[in-house]
């Protein structure tokens, strides 16, 4: 598992980027896991902007 940094925005506040860190095997899985976790945290909805592998 590798550390990824996810940048997302919460609906309807699209002008305020937020950051979420997650462990995943690859970038696609990091986005999938982040969407699932953020759906619980922000039921109003989120949009993933970027996913980056963090330096070790």
PDB file of N, CA and C in Angstrom:
ATOM      1  N   UNK A   1       0.851  -1.185   0.000  1.00  0.00           N
ATOM      2  CA  UNK A   1       0.000   0.000   0.000  1.00  0.00           C
ATOM      3  C   UNK A   1       0.895   1.246   0.000  1.00  0.00           C
ATOM      4  N   UNK A   2       0.448   2.244  -0.731  1.00  0.00           N
ATOM      5  CA  UNK A   2       1.198   3.494  -0.871  1.00  0.00           C
ATOM      6  C   UNK A   2       0.329   4.658  -0.386  1.00  0.00           C
ATOM      7  N   UNK A   3       0.969   5.714   0.111  1.00  0.00           N
ATOM      8  CA  UNK A   3       0.192   6.873   0.572  1.00  0.00           C
ATOM      9  C   UNK A   3      -0.190   7.800  -0.592  1.00  0.00           C
ATOM     10  N   UNK A   4      -1.461   8.173  -0.661  1.00  0.00           N
ATOM     11  CA  UNK A   4      -1.945   9.100  -1.671  1.00  0.00           C
ATOM     12  C   UNK A   4      -2.577  10.299  -0.991  1.00  0.00           C
ATOM     13  N   UNK A   5      -2.423  11.446  -1.628  1.00  0.00           N
ATOM     14  CA  UNK A   5      -3.062  12.678  -1.176  1.00  0.00           C
ATOM     15  C   UNK A   5      -4.166  13.008  -2.170  1.00  0.00           C
ATOM     16  N   UNK A   6      -5.385  13.129  -1.664  1.00  0.00           N
ATOM     17  CA  UNK A   6      -6.555  13.417  -2.489  1.00  0.00           C
ATOM     18  C   UNK A   6      -6.972  14.866  -2.248  1.00  0.00           C
ATOM     19  N   UNK A   7      -7.158  15.625  -3.321  1.00  0.00           N
ATOM     20  CA  UNK A   7      -7.707  16.971  -3.223  1.00  0.00           C
ATOM     21  C   UNK A   7      -9.147  16.890  -3.717  1.00  0.00           C
ATOM     22  N   UNK A   8     -10.069  17.438  -2.921  1.00  0.00           N
ATOM     23  CA  UNK A   8     -11.482  17.379  -3.286  1.00  0.00           C
ATOM     24  C   UNK A   8     -12.185  18.662  -2.883  1.00  0.00           C
ATOM     25  N   UNK A   9     -13.384  18.857  -3.417  1.00  0.00           N
ATOM     26  CA  UNK A   9     -14.229  19.985  -3.024  1.00  0.00           C
ATOM     27  C   UNK A   9     -15.578  19.427  -2.575  1.00  0.00           C
ATOM     28  N   UNK A  10     -16.185  20.110  -1.620  1.00  0.00           N
ATOM     29  CA  UNK A  10     -17.481  19.706  -1.078  1.00  0.00           C
ATOM     30  C   UNK A  10     -18.564  20.525  -1.782  1.00  0.00           C
ATOM     31  N   UNK A  11     -19.649  19.863  -2.184  1.00  0.00           N
ATOM     32  CA  UNK A  11     -20.771  20.555  -2.816  1.00  0.00           C
ATOM     33  C   UNK A  11     -21.516  21.342  -1.749  1.00  0.00           C
ATOM     34  N   UNK A  12     -21.932  22.545  -1.962  1.00  0.00           N
ATOM     35  CA  UNK A  12     -21.783  23.382  -3.152  1.00  0.00           C
ATOM     36  C   UNK A  12     -20.602  24.348  -3.046  1.00  0.00           C
ATOM     37  N   UNK A  13     -19.664  24.109  -2.155  1.00  0.00           N
ATOM     38  CA  UNK A  13     -18.540  25.034  -1.916  1.00  0.00           C
ATOM     39  C   UNK A  13     -17.352  24.654  -2.800  1.00  0.00           C
ATOM     40  N   UNK A  14     -17.516  24.783  -4.112  1.00  0.00           N
ATOM     41  CA  UNK A  14     -16.497  24.342  -5.059  1.00  0.00           C
ATOM     42  C   UNK A  14     -15.221  25.165  -5.021  1.00  0.00           C
ATOM     43  N   UNK A  15     -15.236  26.322  -4.360  1.00  0.00           N
ATOM     44  CA  UNK A  15     -14.060  27.184  -4.335  1.00  0.00           C
ATOM     45  C   UNK A  15     -13.148  26.912  -3.132  1.00  0.00           C
ATOM     46  N   UNK A  16     -13.470  25.926  -2.311  1.00  0.00           N
ATOM     47  CA  UNK A  16     -12.659  25.626  -1.120  1.00  0.00           C
ATOM     48  C   UNK A  16     -12.102  24.201  -1.244  1.00  0.00           C
ATOM     49  N   UNK A  17     -10.855  24.065  -1.701  1.00  0.00           N
ATOM     50  CA  UNK A  17     -10.281  22.715  -1.820  1.00  0.00           C
ATOM     51  C   UNK A  17      -9.931  22.130  -0.453  1.00  0.00           C
ATOM     52  N   UNK A  18     -10.166  20.840  -0.303  1.00  0.00           N
ATOM     53  CA  UNK A  18      -9.839  20.123   0.923  1.00  0.00           C
ATOM     54  C   UNK A  18      -8.875  18.994   0.574  1.00  0.00           C
ATOM     55  N   UNK A  19      -8.195  18.480   1.595  1.00  0.00           N
ATOM     56  CA  UNK A  19      -7.216  17.422   1.375  1.00  0.00           C
ATOM     57  C   UNK A  19      -7.554  16.219   2.246  1.00  0.00           C
ATOM     58  N   UNK A  20      -7.333  15.036   1.671  1.00  0.00           N
ATOM     59  CA  UNK A  20      -7.601  13.784   2.372  1.00  0.00           C
ATOM     60  C   UNK A  20      -6.459  12.835   2.038  1.00  0.00           C
ATOM     61  N   UNK A  21      -5.912  12.173   3.034  1.00  0.00           N
ATOM     62  CA  UNK A  21      -4.818  11.223   2.812  1.00  0.00           C
ATOM     63  C   UNK A  21      -5.335   9.811   3.006  1.00  0.00           C
ATOM     64  N   UNK A  22      -4.901   8.904   2.122  1.00  0.00           N
ATOM     65  CA  UNK A  22      -5.408   7.537   2.140  1.00  0.00           C
ATOM     66  C   UNK A  22      -4.316   6.586   1.661  1.00  0.00           C
ATOM     67  N   UNK A  23      -4.392   5.344   2.094  1.00  0.00           N
ATOM     68  CA  UNK A  23      -3.471   4.296   1.656  1.00  0.00           C
ATOM     69  C   UNK A  23      -4.175   3.447   0.599  1.00  0.00           C
ATOM     70  N   UNK A  24      -3.494   3.201  -0.533  1.00  0.00           N
ATOM     71  CA  UNK A  24      -4.075   2.370  -1.593  1.00  0.00           C
ATOM     72  C   UNK A  24      -2.948   1.768  -2.423  1.00  0.00           C
ATOM     73  N   UNK A  25      -3.302   0.755  -3.211  1.00  0.00           N
ATOM     74  CA  UNK A  25      -2.309   0.091  -4.060  1.00  0.00           C
ATOM     75  C   UNK A  25      -1.972   0.900  -5.307  1.00  0.00           C
ATOM     76  N   UNK A  26      -2.953   1.678  -5.819  1.00  0.00           N
ATOM     77  CA  UNK A  26      -2.709   2.484  -7.015  1.00  0.00           C
ATOM     78  C   UNK A  26      -3.643   3.695  -7.011  1.00  0.00           C
ATOM     79  N   UNK A  27      -3.462   4.561  -8.010  1.00  0.00           N
ATOM     80  CA  UNK A  27      -4.217   5.815  -8.047  1.00  0.00           C
ATOM     81  C   UNK A  27      -5.721   5.585  -8.232  1.00  0.00           C
ATOM     82  N   UNK A  28      -6.089   4.626  -9.069  1.00  0.00           N
ATOM     83  CA  UNK A  28      -7.508   4.351  -9.300  1.00  0.00           C
ATOM     84  C   UNK A  28      -8.180   3.888  -8.007  1.00  0.00           C
ATOM     85  N   UNK A  29      -7.530   2.992  -7.280  1.00  0.00           N
ATOM     86  CA  UNK A  29      -8.086   2.529  -6.011  1.00  0.00           C
ATOM     87  C   UNK A  29      -8.131   3.652  -4.984  1.00  0.00           C
ATOM     88  N   UNK A  30      -7.133   4.542  -4.993  1.00  0.00           N
ATOM     89  CA  UNK A  30      -7.128   5.647  -4.030  1.00  0.00           C
ATOM     90  C   UNK A  30      -8.353   6.525  -4.223  1.00  0.00           C
ATOM     91  N   UNK A  31      -8.729   6.773  -5.468  1.00  0.00           N
ATOM     92  CA  UNK A  31      -9.909   7.589  -5.750  1.00  0.00           C
ATOM     93  C   UNK A  31     -11.175   6.854  -5.323  1.00  0.00           C
ATOM     94  N   UNK A  32     -11.241   5.553  -5.626  1.00  0.00           N
ATOM     95  CA  UNK A  32     -12.413   4.756  -5.272  1.00  0.00           C
ATOM     96  C   UNK A  32     -12.603   4.725  -3.755  1.00  0.00           C
ATOM     97  N   UNK A  33     -11.524   4.459  -3.006  1.00  0.00           N
ATOM     98  CA  UNK A  33     -11.610   4.403  -1.547  1.00  0.00           C
ATOM     99  C   UNK A  33     -11.929   5.772  -0.954  1.00  0.00           C
ATOM    100  N   UNK A  34     -11.336   6.818  -1.516  1.00  0.00           N
ATOM    101  CA  UNK A  34     -11.590   8.172  -1.015  1.00  0.00           C
ATOM    102  C   UNK A  34     -13.050   8.569  -1.230  1.00  0.00           C
ATOM    103  N   UNK A  35     -13.604   8.260  -2.406  1.00  0.00           N
ATOM    104  CA  UNK A  35     -15.006   8.585  -2.662  1.00  0.00           C
ATOM    105  C   UNK A  35     -15.922   7.898  -1.656  1.00  0.00           C
ATOM    106  N   UNK A  36     -15.618   6.642  -1.351  1.00  0.00           N
ATOM    107  CA  UNK A  36     -16.436   5.889  -0.398  1.00  0.00           C
ATOM    108  C   UNK A  36     -16.345   6.505   1.004  1.00  0.00           C
ATOM    109  N   UNK A  37     -15.121   6.816   1.447  1.00  0.00           N
ATOM    110  CA  UNK A  37     -14.931   7.389   2.783  1.00  0.00           C
ATOM    111  C   UNK A  37     -15.505   8.799   2.883  1.00  0.00           C
ATOM    112  N   UNK A  38     -15.319   9.589   1.837  1.00  0.00           N
ATOM    113  CA  UNK A  38     -15.795  10.970   1.875  1.00  0.00           C
ATOM    114  C   UNK A  38     -17.314  11.057   1.762  1.00  0.00           C
ATOM    115  N   UNK A  39     -17.942  10.051   1.178  1.00  0.00           N
ATOM    116  CA  UNK A  39     -19.401  10.024   1.094  1.00  0.00           C
ATOM    117  C   UNK A  39     -20.018   9.961   2.493  1.00  0.00           C
ATOM    118  N   UNK A  40     -19.349   9.266   3.404  1.00  0.00           N
ATOM    119  CA  UNK A  40     -19.811   9.185   4.790  1.00  0.00           C
ATOM    120  C   UNK A  40     -19.573  10.516   5.501  1.00  0.00           C
ATOM    121  N   UNK A  41     -18.414  11.093   5.271  1.00  0.00           N
ATOM    122  CA  UNK A  41     -18.039  12.346   5.930  1.00  0.00           C
ATOM    123  C   UNK A  41     -18.835  13.538   5.403  1.00  0.00           C
ATOM    124  N   UNK A  42     -19.113  13.546   4.100  1.00  0.00           N
ATOM    125  CA  UNK A  42     -19.805  14.669   3.451  1.00  0.00           C
ATOM    126  C   UNK A  42     -20.978  14.135   2.623  1.00  0.00           C
ATOM    127  N   UNK A  43     -22.110  13.821   3.265  1.00  0.00           N
ATOM    128  CA  UNK A  43     -23.245  13.263   2.519  1.00  0.00           C
ATOM    129  C   UNK A  43     -23.818  14.219   1.469  1.00  0.00           C
ATOM    130  N   UNK A  44     -23.495  15.512   1.577  1.00  0.00           N
ATOM    131  CA  UNK A  44     -23.979  16.474   0.589  1.00  0.00           C
ATOM    132  C   UNK A  44     -23.292  16.292  -0.757  1.00  0.00           C
ATOM    133  N   UNK A  45     -22.189  15.560  -0.792  1.00  0.00           N
ATOM    134  CA  UNK A  45     -21.494  15.239  -2.036  1.00  0.00           C
ATOM    135  C   UNK A  45     -20.132  15.902  -2.139  1.00  0.00           C
ATOM    136  N   UNK A  46     -19.219  15.227  -2.827  1.00  0.00           N
ATOM    137  CA  UNK A  46     -17.879  15.757  -3.068  1.00  0.00           C
ATOM    138  C   UNK A  46     -17.488  15.478  -4.516  1.00  0.00           C
ATOM    139  N   UNK A  47     -16.520  16.243  -4.994  1.00  0.00           N
ATOM    140  CA  UNK A  47     -15.904  15.991  -6.291  1.00  0.00           C
ATOM    141  C   UNK A  47     -14.408  15.865  -6.076  1.00  0.00           C
ATOM    142  N   UNK A  48     -13.824  14.764  -6.536  1.00  0.00           N
ATOM    143  CA  UNK A  48     -12.387  14.557  -6.447  1.00  0.00           C
ATOM    144  C   UNK A  48     -11.727  15.409  -7.534  1.00  0.00           C
ATOM    145  N   UNK A  49     -10.724  16.202  -7.147  1.00  0.00           N
ATOM    146  CA  UNK A  49     -10.031  17.047  -8.106  1.00  0.00           C
ATOM    147  C   UNK A  49      -8.743  16.352  -8.564  1.00  0.00           C
ATOM    148  N   UNK A  50      -7.923  15.903  -7.616  1.00  0.00           N
ATOM    149  CA  UNK A  50      -6.674  15.236  -7.963  1.00  0.00           C
ATOM    150  C   UNK A  50      -6.365  14.122  -6.963  1.00  0.00           C
ATOM    151  N   UNK A  51      -5.496  13.206  -7.407  1.00  0.00           N
ATOM    152  CA  UNK A  51      -4.945  12.168  -6.553  1.00  0.00           C
ATOM    153  C   UNK A  51      -3.461  12.070  -6.870  1.00  0.00           C
ATOM    154  N   UNK A  52      -2.634  12.245  -5.852  1.00  0.00           N
ATOM    155  CA  UNK A  52      -1.182  12.216  -6.052  1.00  0.00           C
ATOM    156  C   UNK A  52      -0.534  11.238  -5.092  1.00  0.00           C
ATOM    157  N   UNK A  53       0.426  10.491  -5.604  1.00  0.00           N
ATOM    158  CA  UNK A  53       1.234   9.620  -4.768  1.00  0.00           C
ATOM    159  C   UNK A  53       2.152  10.514  -3.948  1.00  0.00           C
ATOM    160  N   UNK A  54       2.140  10.323  -2.635  1.00  0.00           N
ATOM    161  CA  UNK A  54       2.972  11.144  -1.748  1.00  0.00           C
ATOM    162  C   UNK A  54       4.381  10.576  -1.678  1.00  0.00           C
ATOM    163  N   UNK A  55       5.354  11.452  -1.518  1.00  0.00           N
ATOM    164  CA  UNK A  55       6.741  11.024  -1.374  1.00  0.00           C
ATOM    165  C   UNK A  55       6.915  10.259  -0.066  1.00  0.00           C
ATOM    166  N   UNK A  56       7.701   9.226  -0.113  1.00  0.00           N
ATOM    167  CA  UNK A  56       7.905   8.398   1.086  1.00  0.00           C
ATOM    168  C   UNK A  56       8.835   9.037   2.065  1.00  0.00           C
TER     169      UNK A  56
END
